[in-house]
């Protein structure tokens, strides 16, 4: 009986399924070993902002705000306390130097000055009396010298006569010796009187000089005391605008109390507020452009205040060319403060990404436009429009510049239209 012969070369169905299973296992293993393991996030293109990296002219400046102030402000502090009797000047008016602003009264000061004047008068009288007494002493000493000189003349004549008589044996030696000793005594007495007169003269000069200096000091002090009385009429120390004068009639002021201020309006300056991040980059002499009603005026930094308050520090800027004609104290101006010379650099526009990454990395769009990958970069200086790129990017590349707050820490953004 005939039976069909089985074809051993025929591929069975089970073999096909085994092959497919092995292929799937190999593909899975390949994917696990060599596949893209980066984290991904789908992002719609219209929800993000892209911009191109470009080479351009980079101006290293910051945008700050300045407030107009007078070039010099003089504070008015009371030199002598007293009661306010009259307010002569008004706030906001122009005043000249030495104009009386306020009149004060101080009874105790007037009594003090009167007592001091009496003391000066007594000291002056004592000086005159001392001079008179010393002059009398000097006259008495000179009179004694004259008497001794006259006595010496007489004794010299007697000695000369006795010498002749003694040589002729007409008088005794004792009588001759007495005349000689009397002459010598008179000469010695004259020497003592002259020395005493000389010492008295030196002492007199020293004492009189000391008294005169004492009186002169008291006279100078009296002038100072009288100037205290004059200061009760409080005068303007300089010409300018009386910005404030905080007084009331009858008010009692103490020495050193501040009552107002004068603004010198010969010129103006800007008090500029700067973020503390730039404190090491701002120095005297930096230039800037100040915007007043659409017109730009040049200025430079003249003074820096190192104290930092609430994350800000301040500096003064003065005008280098013309001053705005309609400038007013308290007016504000936007200022472009240059931190360095302009240069050619690789640039990316400012965006919200910086707050998320600190400028350490960005998402760079692949040339296919299908996704954007995280890439480390290095940024340099910045201005209100651009960041300077030092490394990590090339001209023409597209980067995501909008905020990354919603992306978490994914490595790749899948861009969906």
Protein backbone atom coordinates (compact mmCIF):
# COMPACT_ATOMS: atom_id res chain seq x y z
CA UNK A 1 0.00 0.00 0.00
CA UNK A 2 1.44 3.47 -0.90
CA UNK A 3 2.01 6.18 1.87
CA UNK A 4 3.07 9.84 1.42
CA UNK A 5 6.75 10.63 2.00
CA UNK A 6 7.34 13.63 4.44
CA UNK A 7 9.47 16.53 3.07
CA UNK A 8 12.15 16.99 5.75
CA UNK A 9 13.26 20.38 4.33
CA UNK A 10 9.88 21.99 4.91
CA UNK A 11 9.98 24.81 7.57
CA UNK A 12 7.55 24.21 10.26
CA UNK A 13 5.46 27.06 11.75
CA UNK A 14 6.85 26.55 15.22
CA UNK A 15 10.31 27.27 13.92
CA UNK A 16 9.14 30.63 12.60
CA UNK A 17 7.74 31.62 15.98
CA UNK A 18 10.93 30.59 17.71
CA UNK A 19 12.94 32.75 15.31
CA UNK A 20 10.70 35.76 15.90
CA UNK A 21 10.97 35.33 19.67
CA UNK A 22 14.77 35.15 19.53
CA UNK A 23 14.86 38.25 17.32
CA UNK A 24 12.70 40.20 19.79
CA UNK A 25 14.95 39.19 22.67
CA UNK A 26 18.03 40.33 20.74
CA UNK A 27 16.40 43.66 19.86
CA UNK A 28 15.40 44.23 23.47
CA UNK A 29 18.93 43.45 24.66
CA UNK A 30 20.36 45.81 22.06
CA UNK A 31 18.04 48.57 23.18
CA UNK A 32 18.95 47.99 26.81
CA UNK A 33 22.67 48.01 26.11
CA UNK A 34 23.07 50.51 23.31
CA UNK A 35 19.78 52.45 23.25
CA UNK A 36 19.13 56.12 24.31
CA UNK A 37 18.63 56.11 28.08
CA UNK A 38 18.23 59.87 28.50
CA UNK A 39 15.12 61.25 30.15
CA UNK A 40 12.69 62.94 27.76
CA UNK A 41 9.80 65.36 27.90
CA UNK A 42 7.33 66.25 25.18
CA UNK A 43 7.08 70.03 24.72
CA UNK A 44 4.90 72.00 22.34
CA UNK A 45 6.86 74.50 20.25
CA UNK A 46 4.40 77.31 20.77
CA UNK A 47 4.90 77.04 24.54
CA UNK A 48 8.65 77.80 24.46
CA UNK A 49 10.88 80.54 23.03
CA UNK A 50 13.79 79.70 20.73
CA UNK A 51 16.57 81.99 19.64
CA UNK A 52 19.69 81.74 17.55
CA UNK A 53 23.25 82.08 18.85
CA UNK A 54 24.93 84.89 16.93
CA UNK A 55 28.16 86.86 16.78
CA UNK A 56 27.68 90.56 17.45
CA UNK A 57 28.92 93.77 19.07
CA UNK A 58 28.59 93.33 22.83
CA UNK A 59 28.22 96.43 25.04
CA UNK A 60 29.05 95.62 28.65
CA UNK A 61 26.58 97.82 30.52
CA UNK A 62 23.82 97.60 33.10
CA UNK A 63 20.58 99.53 33.30
CA UNK A 64 20.16 101.40 36.59
CA UNK A 65 18.04 104.22 38.00
CA UNK A 66 19.38 107.56 39.28
CA UNK A 67 17.65 110.21 41.37
CA UNK A 68 18.56 113.88 40.90
CA UNK A 69 20.17 115.55 43.91
CA UNK A 70 21.95 118.91 44.36
CA UNK A 71 25.69 118.80 43.77
CA UNK A 72 26.26 119.86 47.40
CA UNK A 73 23.91 119.73 50.38
CA UNK A 74 24.75 121.80 53.47
CA UNK A 75 23.03 120.84 56.70
CA UNK A 76 22.08 123.61 59.12
CA UNK A 77 23.04 122.79 62.73
CA UNK A 78 22.54 125.29 65.54
CA UNK A 79 25.87 126.56 66.93
CA UNK A 80 24.31 128.06 70.06
CA UNK A 81 21.10 127.01 71.75
CA UNK A 82 18.26 129.41 72.44
CA UNK A 83 14.62 130.28 71.97
CA UNK A 84 13.31 130.98 68.45
CA UNK A 85 12.17 134.61 68.41
CA UNK A 86 11.83 135.20 64.67
CA UNK A 87 12.00 133.13 61.48
CA UNK A 88 13.34 135.45 58.80
CA UNK A 89 13.75 133.19 55.71
CA UNK A 90 11.20 130.92 54.06
CA UNK A 91 11.65 127.41 52.69
CA UNK A 92 12.18 127.13 48.96
CA UNK A 93 13.60 130.63 48.55
CA UNK A 94 17.06 131.53 47.29
CA UNK A 95 19.31 132.93 49.97
CA UNK A 96 22.71 134.59 49.93
CA UNK A 97 25.65 133.82 52.17
CA UNK A 98 25.40 135.53 55.62
CA UNK A 99 21.68 136.23 55.23
CA UNK A 100 19.94 135.96 58.62
CA UNK A 101 17.67 132.90 58.66
CA UNK A 102 16.57 132.75 62.30
CA UNK A 103 16.86 135.03 65.34
CA UNK A 104 17.32 133.37 68.75
CA UNK A 105 17.53 134.64 72.32
CA UNK A 106 19.55 133.23 75.24
CA UNK A 107 19.58 135.13 78.57
CA UNK A 108 22.07 132.81 80.27
CA UNK A 109 24.54 133.32 77.43
CA UNK A 110 24.29 137.11 77.80
CA UNK A 111 25.03 136.83 81.54
CA UNK A 112 27.96 134.51 80.85
CA UNK A 113 29.42 136.99 78.37
CA UNK A 114 29.02 139.88 80.84
CA UNK A 115 30.86 137.94 83.56
CA UNK A 116 33.66 137.06 81.19
CA UNK A 117 34.02 140.69 80.07
CA UNK A 118 34.38 141.68 83.73
CA UNK A 119 37.08 139.03 84.20
CA UNK A 120 38.99 140.32 81.18
CA UNK A 121 38.76 143.85 82.53
CA UNK A 122 40.15 142.79 85.93
CA UNK A 123 43.02 140.92 84.32
CA UNK A 124 43.87 143.95 82.17
CA UNK A 125 43.95 146.14 85.28
CA UNK A 126 46.23 143.65 87.04
CA UNK A 127 48.58 143.79 84.06
CA UNK A 128 48.71 147.59 84.21
CA UNK A 129 49.36 147.53 87.97
CA UNK A 130 52.12 144.96 87.58
CA UNK A 131 53.74 147.06 84.88
CA UNK A 132 53.55 150.16 87.10
CA UNK A 133 55.05 148.32 90.11
CA UNK A 134 57.87 146.88 88.03
CA UNK A 135 58.60 150.27 86.49
CA UNK A 136 58.87 151.73 90.00
CA UNK A 137 61.19 148.94 91.09
CA UNK A 138 63.34 149.54 88.05
CA UNK A 139 63.53 153.28 88.78
CA UNK A 140 64.52 152.59 92.39
CA UNK A 141 67.26 150.21 91.26
CA UNK A 142 68.60 152.73 88.77
CA UNK A 143 68.53 155.43 91.45
CA UNK A 144 70.61 153.22 93.76
CA UNK A 145 73.09 152.63 90.96
CA UNK A 146 73.45 156.38 90.47
CA UNK A 147 74.05 156.93 94.18
CA UNK A 148 76.69 154.19 94.28
CA UNK A 149 78.40 155.57 91.17
CA UNK A 150 78.49 159.01 92.80
CA UNK A 151 79.88 157.47 95.99
CA UNK A 152 82.56 155.69 93.97
CA UNK A 153 83.65 159.00 92.43
CA UNK A 154 84.05 160.53 95.87
CA UNK A 155 85.92 157.54 97.28
CA UNK A 156 88.10 157.28 94.21
CA UNK A 157 89.14 160.91 94.71
CA UNK A 158 89.74 160.35 98.41
CA UNK A 159 91.82 157.23 97.66
CA UNK A 160 93.93 159.06 95.07
CA UNK A 161 94.64 161.90 97.54
CA UNK A 162 95.42 159.50 100.40
CA UNK A 163 97.78 157.58 98.17
CA UNK A 164 99.83 160.74 97.54
CA UNK A 165 99.77 161.66 101.20
CA UNK A 166 100.75 158.15 102.24
CA UNK A 167 103.66 158.11 99.85
CA UNK A 168 104.78 161.44 101.45
CA UNK A 169 104.35 159.95 104.92
CA UNK A 170 101.66 162.53 105.78
CA UNK A 171 99.02 159.96 106.79
CA UNK A 172 99.15 156.59 108.39
CA UNK A 173 98.80 153.28 106.54
CA UNK A 174 95.61 152.59 108.41
CA UNK A 175 93.96 155.69 107.02
CA UNK A 176 95.21 154.85 103.54
CA UNK A 177 93.96 151.23 103.76
CA UNK A 178 90.52 152.42 104.92
CA UNK A 179 90.11 154.66 101.86
CA UNK A 180 91.19 151.80 99.56
CA UNK A 181 88.80 149.31 101.16
CA UNK A 182 85.91 151.76 101.00
CA UNK A 183 86.55 152.23 97.25
CA UNK A 184 86.68 148.48 96.64
CA UNK A 185 83.46 147.99 98.63
CA UNK A 186 81.67 150.61 96.56
CA UNK A 187 82.81 148.98 93.30
CA UNK A 188 81.58 145.59 94.47
CA UNK A 189 78.30 147.11 95.56
CA UNK A 190 77.93 148.71 92.11
CA UNK A 191 78.52 145.32 90.46
CA UNK A 192 75.83 143.75 92.64
CA UNK A 193 73.35 146.51 91.88
CA UNK A 194 73.97 146.26 88.14
CA UNK A 195 73.59 142.45 88.24
CA UNK A 196 70.41 142.82 90.26
CA UNK A 197 69.09 145.38 87.80
CA UNK A 198 69.86 143.03 84.93
CA UNK A 199 68.12 140.07 86.61
CA UNK A 200 65.15 142.24 87.53
CA UNK A 201 64.88 143.34 83.92
CA UNK A 202 64.82 139.72 82.70
CA UNK A 203 62.27 138.71 85.33
CA UNK A 204 60.19 141.74 84.50
CA UNK A 205 60.21 140.91 80.79
CA UNK A 206 59.20 137.30 81.48
CA UNK A 207 56.46 138.25 83.89
CA UNK A 208 55.12 141.05 81.72
CA UNK A 209 55.21 138.75 78.65
CA UNK A 210 53.30 136.07 80.53
CA UNK A 211 50.68 138.56 81.69
CA UNK A 212 50.36 140.02 78.19
CA UNK A 213 49.86 136.55 76.66
CA UNK A 214 47.29 135.76 79.32
CA UNK A 215 45.41 138.96 78.58
CA UNK A 216 45.66 138.32 74.83
CA UNK A 217 44.22 134.82 75.26
CA UNK A 218 41.39 136.25 77.28
CA UNK A 219 40.78 138.89 74.62
CA UNK A 220 40.68 136.17 71.94
CA UNK A 221 38.35 134.10 74.07
CA UNK A 222 36.19 137.16 74.56
CA UNK A 223 35.90 137.47 70.78
CA UNK A 224 34.84 133.83 70.62
CA UNK A 225 32.31 134.40 73.37
CA UNK A 226 30.99 137.46 71.55
CA UNK A 227 30.76 135.36 68.36
CA UNK A 228 28.54 132.99 70.34
CA UNK A 229 26.28 135.94 70.98
CA UNK A 230 26.40 136.82 67.29
CA UNK A 231 25.47 133.22 66.41
CA UNK A 232 22.07 133.82 68.01
CA UNK A 233 21.41 135.49 64.67
CA UNK A 234 21.71 132.27 62.65
CA UNK A 235 23.10 133.11 59.20
CA UNK A 236 23.30 131.18 55.93
CA UNK A 237 26.72 129.53 55.53
CA UNK A 238 26.50 129.60 51.71
CA UNK A 239 24.46 130.86 48.79
CA UNK A 240 21.79 128.45 47.54
CA UNK A 241 18.22 127.30 47.96
CA UNK A 242 16.80 126.93 51.46
CA UNK A 243 15.44 123.41 51.03
CA UNK A 244 14.01 123.05 54.54
CA UNK A 245 13.73 124.96 57.81
CA UNK A 246 11.88 123.01 60.48
CA UNK A 247 11.16 125.61 63.17
CA UNK A 248 8.32 127.17 65.13
CA UNK A 249 8.23 130.48 67.03
CA UNK A 250 8.97 129.87 70.72
CA UNK A 251 10.73 126.57 70.06
CA UNK A 252 13.79 125.99 72.26
CA UNK A 253 16.84 124.69 70.39
CA UNK A 254 19.90 122.94 71.79
CA UNK A 255 23.44 123.32 70.53
CA UNK A 256 24.10 121.04 67.54
CA UNK A 257 20.41 120.54 66.73
CA UNK A 258 19.70 120.25 62.99
CA UNK A 259 17.08 122.70 61.75
CA UNK A 260 17.23 122.37 57.95
CA UNK A 261 19.45 122.27 54.88
CA UNK A 262 20.64 124.38 51.96
CA UNK A 263 20.99 122.97 48.43
CA UNK A 264 23.79 124.35 46.27
CA UNK A 265 22.25 124.50 42.81
CA UNK A 266 25.35 125.37 40.78
CA UNK A 267 25.14 121.84 39.42
CA UNK A 268 23.41 118.50 40.05
CA UNK A 269 24.32 114.86 40.57
CA UNK A 270 22.49 111.54 40.36
CA UNK A 271 22.28 109.14 43.29
CA UNK A 272 22.44 105.78 41.48
CA UNK A 273 21.09 102.52 42.93
CA UNK A 274 23.02 99.40 41.85
CA UNK A 275 22.52 95.70 42.62
CA UNK A 276 25.18 94.33 44.99
CA UNK A 277 26.13 91.71 42.34
CA UNK A 278 28.02 94.47 40.51
CA UNK A 279 29.81 95.97 43.54
CA UNK A 280 33.20 94.60 42.42
CA UNK A 281 32.66 95.83 38.85
CA UNK A 282 31.66 99.43 39.54
CA UNK A 283 34.50 101.89 40.09
CA UNK A 284 35.09 105.64 40.00
CA UNK A 285 35.30 107.09 36.49
CA UNK A 286 32.88 104.68 34.79
CA UNK A 287 30.73 106.47 32.22
CA UNK A 288 27.03 106.24 31.54
CA UNK A 289 24.20 107.73 29.49
CA UNK A 290 21.35 109.38 31.41
CA UNK A 291 17.93 109.61 29.76
CA UNK A 292 15.94 112.80 30.43
CA UNK A 293 12.75 113.11 28.39
CA UNK A 294 14.26 111.09 25.54
CA UNK A 295 17.52 113.07 25.41
CA UNK A 296 20.78 111.40 26.49
CA UNK A 297 23.34 113.18 28.68
CA UNK A 298 26.78 111.86 29.58
CA UNK A 299 28.01 111.40 33.13
CA UNK A 300 30.56 109.46 35.15
CA UNK A 301 30.81 107.90 38.59
CA UNK A 302 32.40 110.33 41.07
CA UNK A 303 31.83 108.54 44.38
CA UNK A 304 30.91 105.03 45.56
CA UNK A 305 29.23 104.27 48.88
CA UNK A 306 30.43 100.79 49.97
CA UNK A 307 27.56 100.09 52.38
CA UNK A 308 25.09 97.50 51.08
CA UNK A 309 21.43 97.86 52.13
CA UNK A 310 18.69 95.41 51.11
CA UNK A 311 20.89 93.99 48.34
CA UNK A 312 21.70 97.43 46.89
CA UNK A 313 24.57 99.90 47.08
CA UNK A 314 24.72 103.52 45.91
CA UNK A 315 27.08 105.76 43.97
CA UNK A 316 27.09 109.37 42.77
CA UNK A 317 27.21 110.30 39.08
CA UNK A 318 28.02 113.81 37.84
CA UNK A 319 27.35 115.28 34.40
CA UNK A 320 30.43 115.60 32.20
CA UNK A 321 28.99 117.74 29.41
CA UNK A 322 25.73 119.67 29.56
CA UNK A 323 23.08 119.53 32.26
CA UNK A 324 19.42 118.94 31.32
CA UNK A 325 17.76 122.38 31.22
CA UNK A 326 14.55 121.24 32.94
CA UNK A 327 16.19 119.09 35.60
CA UNK A 328 14.53 119.04 39.04
CA UNK A 329 15.58 117.65 42.40
CA UNK A 330 13.93 114.28 43.01
CA UNK A 331 13.53 113.55 39.28
CA UNK A 332 14.56 110.03 38.19
CA UNK A 333 16.47 108.92 35.10
CA UNK A 334 17.23 105.59 33.46
CA UNK A 335 20.99 105.17 33.07
CA UNK A 336 23.06 102.85 30.88
CA UNK A 337 26.16 102.40 33.04
CA UNK A 338 29.08 100.98 31.07
CA UNK A 339 31.17 98.37 32.93
CA UNK A 340 33.76 97.88 30.18
CA UNK A 341 34.74 98.66 26.61
CA UNK A 342 32.52 97.28 23.78
CA UNK A 343 33.78 94.13 22.00
CA UNK A 344 32.79 91.47 19.46
CA UNK A 345 31.45 88.31 21.15
CA UNK A 346 29.18 85.29 20.78
CA UNK A 347 25.73 86.28 22.09
CA UNK A 348 22.45 84.78 23.20
CA UNK A 349 19.47 86.91 24.21
CA UNK A 350 18.48 87.17 27.85
CA UNK A 351 15.68 84.84 28.93
CA UNK A 352 14.07 82.99 31.79
CA UNK A 353 16.43 80.00 31.42
CA UNK A 354 19.13 81.87 33.39
CA UNK A 355 17.05 81.88 36.59
CA UNK A 356 16.62 78.08 36.27
CA UNK A 357 20.18 77.11 35.37
CA UNK A 358 22.34 80.00 36.60
CA UNK A 359 23.76 80.14 33.07
CA UNK A 360 25.56 76.78 33.47
CA UNK A 361 23.65 74.92 30.73
CA UNK A 362 20.94 75.31 28.07
CA UNK A 363 18.78 73.17 25.80
CA UNK A 364 20.27 73.22 22.28
CA UNK A 365 17.95 72.36 19.36
CA UNK A 366 19.13 69.51 17.13
CA UNK A 367 19.60 70.44 13.43
CA UNK A 368 16.62 68.15 12.65
CA UNK A 369 14.41 70.42 14.77
CA UNK A 370 12.79 67.37 16.39
CA UNK A 371 14.34 67.67 19.85
CA UNK A 372 16.59 69.83 22.07
CA UNK A 373 19.37 68.39 24.27
CA UNK A 374 20.93 69.70 27.47
CA UNK A 375 24.44 71.12 26.99
CA UNK A 376 26.91 72.71 29.43
CA UNK A 377 27.96 76.24 28.57
CA UNK A 378 29.99 79.09 30.10
CA UNK A 379 28.65 82.66 30.15
CA UNK A 380 30.65 85.83 30.74
CA UNK A 381 29.40 89.39 31.06
CA UNK A 382 25.78 90.39 30.56
CA UNK A 383 23.76 93.46 29.73
CA UNK A 384 19.98 94.03 29.73
CA UNK A 385 19.68 92.39 26.27
CA UNK A 386 22.36 89.71 25.89
CA UNK A 387 24.65 87.24 27.63
CA UNK A 388 28.22 86.83 26.43
CA UNK A 389 28.97 83.15 25.59
CA UNK A 390 32.51 82.03 26.43
CA UNK A 391 32.19 78.34 25.54
CA UNK A 392 29.71 75.54 24.70
CA UNK A 393 27.84 77.08 21.75
CA UNK A 394 28.45 77.89 18.10
CA UNK A 395 27.02 80.64 15.88
CA UNK A 396 23.76 79.63 14.19
CA UNK A 397 22.67 77.09 16.83
CA UNK A 398 19.16 77.38 18.22
CA UNK A 399 18.69 77.42 22.02
CA UNK A 400 15.63 77.44 24.26
CA UNK A 401 15.76 80.76 26.15
CA UNK A 402 12.40 80.65 27.96
CA UNK A 403 12.04 79.43 31.54
CA UNK A 404 12.94 75.83 32.37
CA UNK A 405 10.92 75.70 35.59
CA UNK A 406 8.37 73.25 34.12
CA UNK A 407 10.94 70.89 32.57
CA UNK A 408 12.31 69.38 35.76
CA UNK A 409 15.77 67.94 35.07
CA UNK A 410 15.15 66.05 31.81
CA UNK A 411 18.02 65.59 29.36
CA UNK A 412 16.02 65.97 26.17
CA UNK A 413 12.98 67.94 25.04
CA UNK A 414 10.91 66.35 22.30
CA UNK A 415 9.57 69.24 20.24
CA UNK A 416 5.95 68.85 19.11
CA UNK A 417 4.25 71.17 16.64
